[in-house]
């Protein structure tokens, strides 16, 4: 689990491509402290397992399912990525509960200065938008943000100067593809409301059955 509060901006050092997967080498410093093999690090919001550790970088595999649902396949050597270590019991929950399991992607359609903030508008499909609510939480490339506006086929967030400085979001441009993780609460509520319980099986016991068996 994560909080959506980015700890560090890493840099893609190398990409080894498989048939439908990649192996990422990412330069970092802060997130390597006390990290061990097998630990989880969110890379642009995608929960990845550390498979190799060096003094200034780590390696993680990105499986085909993650490649299909995220923007990981668009990464290039030298690209900057948002990094966050997994939540611990002693951590402050400054953002919201983020699983690191991406629901899909959205595309930036507008970036507009709004006094001391930057308003970013994104378009997404209905599978993403149905879980978006105004003033609700959403994680974009692993960054916990509040939904400032919700339209028919788009939504907007506002980035304060601090968020702009410590994440990669303002390095994006119109047309950029962003990872989206919806608030998990809405998904659980939908599942509970749509779940169909098995109907009790009708009994085969009848008067004829009892007669035939000597009762």
Protein backbone atom coordinates (compact mmCIF):
# COMPACT_ATOMS: atom_id res chain seq x y z
CA UNK A 1 0.00 0.00 0.00
CA UNK A 2 1.07 3.58 -0.66
CA UNK A 3 -0.09 7.11 0.18
CA UNK A 4 0.38 8.91 -3.14
CA UNK A 5 2.94 11.24 -1.56
CA UNK A 6 5.97 11.07 -3.86
CA UNK A 7 9.29 10.69 -2.01
CA UNK A 8 11.70 11.18 -4.86
CA UNK A 9 11.99 11.70 -8.60
CA UNK A 10 14.02 8.89 -10.16
CA UNK A 11 15.53 8.60 -13.63
CA UNK A 12 15.21 5.66 -16.00
CA UNK A 13 18.75 4.30 -16.38
CA UNK A 14 18.09 1.33 -18.68
CA UNK A 15 15.22 -0.62 -20.24
CA UNK A 16 15.51 -4.28 -21.17
CA UNK A 17 12.61 -5.30 -23.39
CA UNK A 18 10.96 -8.70 -23.37
CA UNK A 19 8.26 -9.91 -25.72
CA UNK A 20 5.46 -8.21 -23.80
CA UNK A 21 7.32 -7.00 -20.72
CA UNK A 22 10.23 -4.81 -19.69
CA UNK A 23 12.91 -4.76 -16.99
CA UNK A 24 13.49 -1.23 -15.65
CA UNK A 25 16.68 0.09 -14.09
CA UNK A 26 15.96 3.30 -12.18
CA UNK A 27 18.47 5.67 -10.63
CA UNK A 28 17.43 6.77 -7.15
CA UNK A 29 18.75 7.62 -3.72
CA UNK A 30 16.15 8.29 -1.03
CA UNK A 31 13.89 5.32 -1.77
CA UNK A 32 16.86 2.94 -1.59
CA UNK A 33 17.36 3.62 2.12
CA UNK A 34 16.43 0.49 4.12
CA UNK A 35 15.03 -1.10 0.96
CA UNK A 36 15.60 -4.82 0.49
CA UNK A 37 15.14 -7.29 -2.34
CA UNK A 38 11.45 -8.10 -2.72
CA UNK A 39 10.26 -4.76 -1.35
CA UNK A 40 7.68 -2.73 -3.26
CA UNK A 41 8.30 0.67 -4.83
CA UNK A 42 5.64 2.59 -6.73
CA UNK A 43 7.03 3.85 -10.05
CA UNK A 44 4.65 6.41 -11.58
CA UNK A 45 2.02 4.82 -9.39
CA UNK A 46 2.71 1.24 -10.50
CA UNK A 47 3.60 -1.12 -7.66
CA UNK A 48 6.83 -2.89 -8.69
CA UNK A 49 8.96 -5.44 -6.84
CA UNK A 50 12.65 -4.71 -6.37
CA UNK A 51 14.64 -7.57 -7.94
CA UNK A 52 18.13 -6.03 -7.77
CA UNK A 53 19.67 -3.33 -5.61
CA UNK A 54 22.79 -1.23 -6.15
CA UNK A 55 24.09 1.84 -4.32
CA UNK A 56 22.38 4.27 -6.69
CA UNK A 57 19.76 2.32 -8.63
CA UNK A 58 17.33 -0.59 -8.50
CA UNK A 59 15.85 -2.98 -11.04
CA UNK A 60 12.22 -4.09 -11.28
CA UNK A 61 10.19 -6.14 -13.76
CA UNK A 62 7.05 -4.82 -15.43
CA UNK A 63 4.75 -7.69 -16.41
CA UNK A 64 2.54 -7.79 -19.54
CA UNK A 65 -0.66 -6.89 -17.63
CA UNK A 66 0.98 -3.71 -16.31
CA UNK A 67 2.25 -2.90 -19.79
CA UNK A 68 -1.29 -3.13 -21.16
CA UNK A 69 -2.92 -0.94 -18.48
CA UNK A 70 -0.25 1.71 -17.82
CA UNK A 71 2.09 4.16 -19.55
CA UNK A 72 5.17 2.05 -18.74
CA UNK A 73 5.61 1.07 -22.37
CA UNK A 74 6.11 4.75 -23.26
CA UNK A 75 9.10 5.22 -20.94
CA UNK A 76 12.49 6.06 -22.46
CA UNK A 77 16.00 6.14 -21.03
CA UNK A 78 16.47 9.46 -19.23
CA UNK A 79 12.78 9.89 -18.38
CA UNK A 80 11.94 11.03 -14.85
CA UNK A 81 9.55 8.95 -12.75
CA UNK A 82 7.74 9.44 -9.44
CA UNK A 83 8.92 7.06 -6.70
CA UNK A 84 7.38 6.06 -3.37
CA UNK A 85 8.25 3.26 -0.99
CA UNK A 86 5.47 1.12 0.46
CA UNK A 87 3.55 2.44 3.47
CA UNK A 88 4.67 1.34 6.94
CA UNK A 89 2.58 1.23 10.12
CA UNK A 90 4.47 4.27 11.44
CA UNK A 91 4.00 6.35 8.27
CA UNK A 92 1.80 9.44 8.09
CA UNK A 93 -1.12 8.96 5.69
CA UNK A 94 -0.76 12.38 4.08
CA UNK A 95 -2.46 11.48 0.81
CA UNK A 96 -5.01 8.67 0.53
CA UNK A 97 -4.89 4.87 0.40
CA UNK A 98 -3.24 3.90 -2.89
CA UNK A 99 -2.71 0.25 -3.88
CA UNK A 100 -0.32 0.74 -6.79
CA UNK A 101 -2.70 -1.18 -9.05
CA UNK A 102 -3.44 1.06 -12.02
CA UNK A 103 -7.00 1.12 -13.40
CA UNK A 104 -6.04 2.64 -16.75
CA UNK A 105 -4.73 5.83 -18.30
CA UNK A 106 -5.93 9.35 -19.05
CA UNK A 107 -4.69 11.94 -21.55
CA UNK A 108 -3.87 15.54 -20.68
CA UNK A 109 -5.95 17.90 -22.80
CA UNK A 110 -5.22 21.20 -21.05
CA UNK A 111 -2.68 22.70 -18.64
CA UNK A 112 -3.62 26.16 -17.41
CA UNK A 113 -2.08 28.47 -14.83
CA UNK A 114 -4.55 29.36 -12.07
CA UNK A 115 -2.94 31.97 -9.77
CA UNK A 116 -0.43 29.97 -7.66
CA UNK A 117 -1.68 26.61 -8.96
CA UNK A 118 -1.72 24.79 -12.27
CA UNK A 119 -5.02 23.28 -13.39
CA UNK A 120 -4.60 20.06 -15.38
CA UNK A 121 -7.56 18.65 -17.32
CA UNK A 122 -7.54 15.06 -18.53
CA UNK A 123 -9.86 12.96 -20.66
CA UNK A 124 -10.52 9.30 -19.91
CA UNK A 125 -12.91 6.51 -20.80
CA UNK A 126 -16.06 5.63 -18.85
CA UNK A 127 -14.29 2.79 -17.02
CA UNK A 128 -12.14 5.42 -15.31
CA UNK A 129 -14.66 8.24 -15.07
CA UNK A 130 -17.35 6.21 -13.30
CA UNK A 131 -15.18 6.14 -10.16
CA UNK A 132 -14.29 9.84 -10.28
CA UNK A 133 -16.26 12.17 -8.02
CA UNK A 134 -15.87 15.92 -7.53
CA UNK A 135 -13.67 16.65 -4.49
CA UNK A 136 -12.78 12.96 -4.36
CA UNK A 137 -9.30 11.45 -4.48
CA UNK A 138 -7.41 10.14 -7.50
CA UNK A 139 -3.78 9.10 -8.02
CA UNK A 140 -2.12 10.36 -11.22
CA UNK A 141 1.27 8.80 -11.99
CA UNK A 142 1.32 7.88 -8.32
CA UNK A 143 0.51 11.38 -7.02
CA UNK A 144 -2.43 11.73 -4.63
CA UNK A 145 -4.65 14.57 -5.85
CA UNK A 146 -8.13 16.00 -5.27
CA UNK A 147 -10.57 16.16 -8.18
CA UNK A 148 -11.32 19.84 -8.79
CA UNK A 149 -13.83 19.41 -11.64
CA UNK A 150 -15.73 16.57 -13.26
CA UNK A 151 -17.12 16.79 -16.79
CA UNK A 152 -18.88 14.30 -19.07
CA UNK A 153 -15.68 12.94 -20.55
CA UNK A 154 -12.97 14.65 -18.52
CA UNK A 155 -11.84 15.69 -15.07
CA UNK A 156 -9.43 18.26 -13.68
CA UNK A 157 -7.00 18.52 -10.79
CA UNK A 158 -5.04 21.48 -9.43
CA UNK A 159 -1.34 21.27 -8.63
CA UNK A 160 0.03 23.51 -5.90
CA UNK A 161 3.62 24.76 -6.33
CA UNK A 162 5.02 22.12 -3.94
CA UNK A 163 3.43 19.25 -5.90
CA UNK A 164 4.77 20.76 -9.10
CA UNK A 165 8.30 20.87 -7.64
CA UNK A 166 8.50 17.37 -6.14
CA UNK A 167 6.73 15.32 -8.86
CA UNK A 168 7.01 14.90 -12.61
CA UNK A 169 3.50 16.10 -13.43
CA UNK A 170 4.42 19.58 -14.64
CA UNK A 171 7.09 18.12 -16.90
CA UNK A 172 4.21 16.60 -18.89
CA UNK A 173 2.48 18.36 -21.77
CA UNK A 174 -0.85 18.29 -23.57
CA UNK A 175 -1.21 14.84 -25.11
CA UNK A 176 0.80 13.06 -22.39
CA UNK A 177 -0.59 9.74 -21.14
CA UNK A 178 -0.94 9.50 -17.37
CA UNK A 179 -1.49 6.46 -15.12
CA UNK A 180 -4.74 6.61 -13.14
CA UNK A 181 -5.64 4.76 -9.98
CA UNK A 182 -9.16 5.42 -8.75
CA UNK A 183 -10.05 5.58 -5.09
CA UNK A 184 -10.44 1.96 -3.94
CA UNK A 185 -13.56 2.73 -1.83
CA UNK A 186 -15.76 3.26 -4.89
CA UNK A 187 -14.66 -0.04 -6.41
CA UNK A 188 -15.50 -1.97 -3.25
CA UNK A 189 -18.92 -0.32 -2.99
CA UNK A 190 -19.69 -1.17 -6.63
CA UNK A 191 -18.67 -4.80 -6.10
CA UNK A 192 -20.82 -5.18 -3.00
CA UNK A 193 -23.87 -3.64 -4.67
CA UNK A 194 -23.54 -5.73 -7.83
CA UNK A 195 -22.65 -9.05 -6.17
CA UNK A 196 -25.23 -11.74 -6.78
CA UNK A 197 -25.49 -14.33 -4.04
CA UNK A 198 -26.33 -17.88 -4.99
CA UNK A 199 -30.00 -18.66 -4.47
CA UNK A 200 -30.75 -21.45 -1.98
CA UNK A 201 -30.99 -24.75 -3.80
CA UNK A 202 -34.50 -26.18 -3.91
CA UNK A 203 -34.92 -29.34 -1.89
CA UNK A 204 -35.44 -32.64 -3.70
CA UNK A 205 -37.45 -33.90 -0.74
CA UNK A 206 -41.11 -34.47 -1.63
CA UNK A 207 -44.12 -36.58 -0.56
CA UNK A 208 -43.61 -38.93 -3.52
CA UNK A 209 -39.93 -39.41 -2.57
CA UNK A 210 -40.94 -40.23 1.03
CA UNK A 211 -43.58 -42.78 -0.12
CA UNK A 212 -41.15 -44.47 -2.50
CA UNK A 213 -38.69 -44.90 0.33
CA UNK A 214 -41.11 -46.37 2.83
CA UNK A 215 -42.08 -43.32 4.83
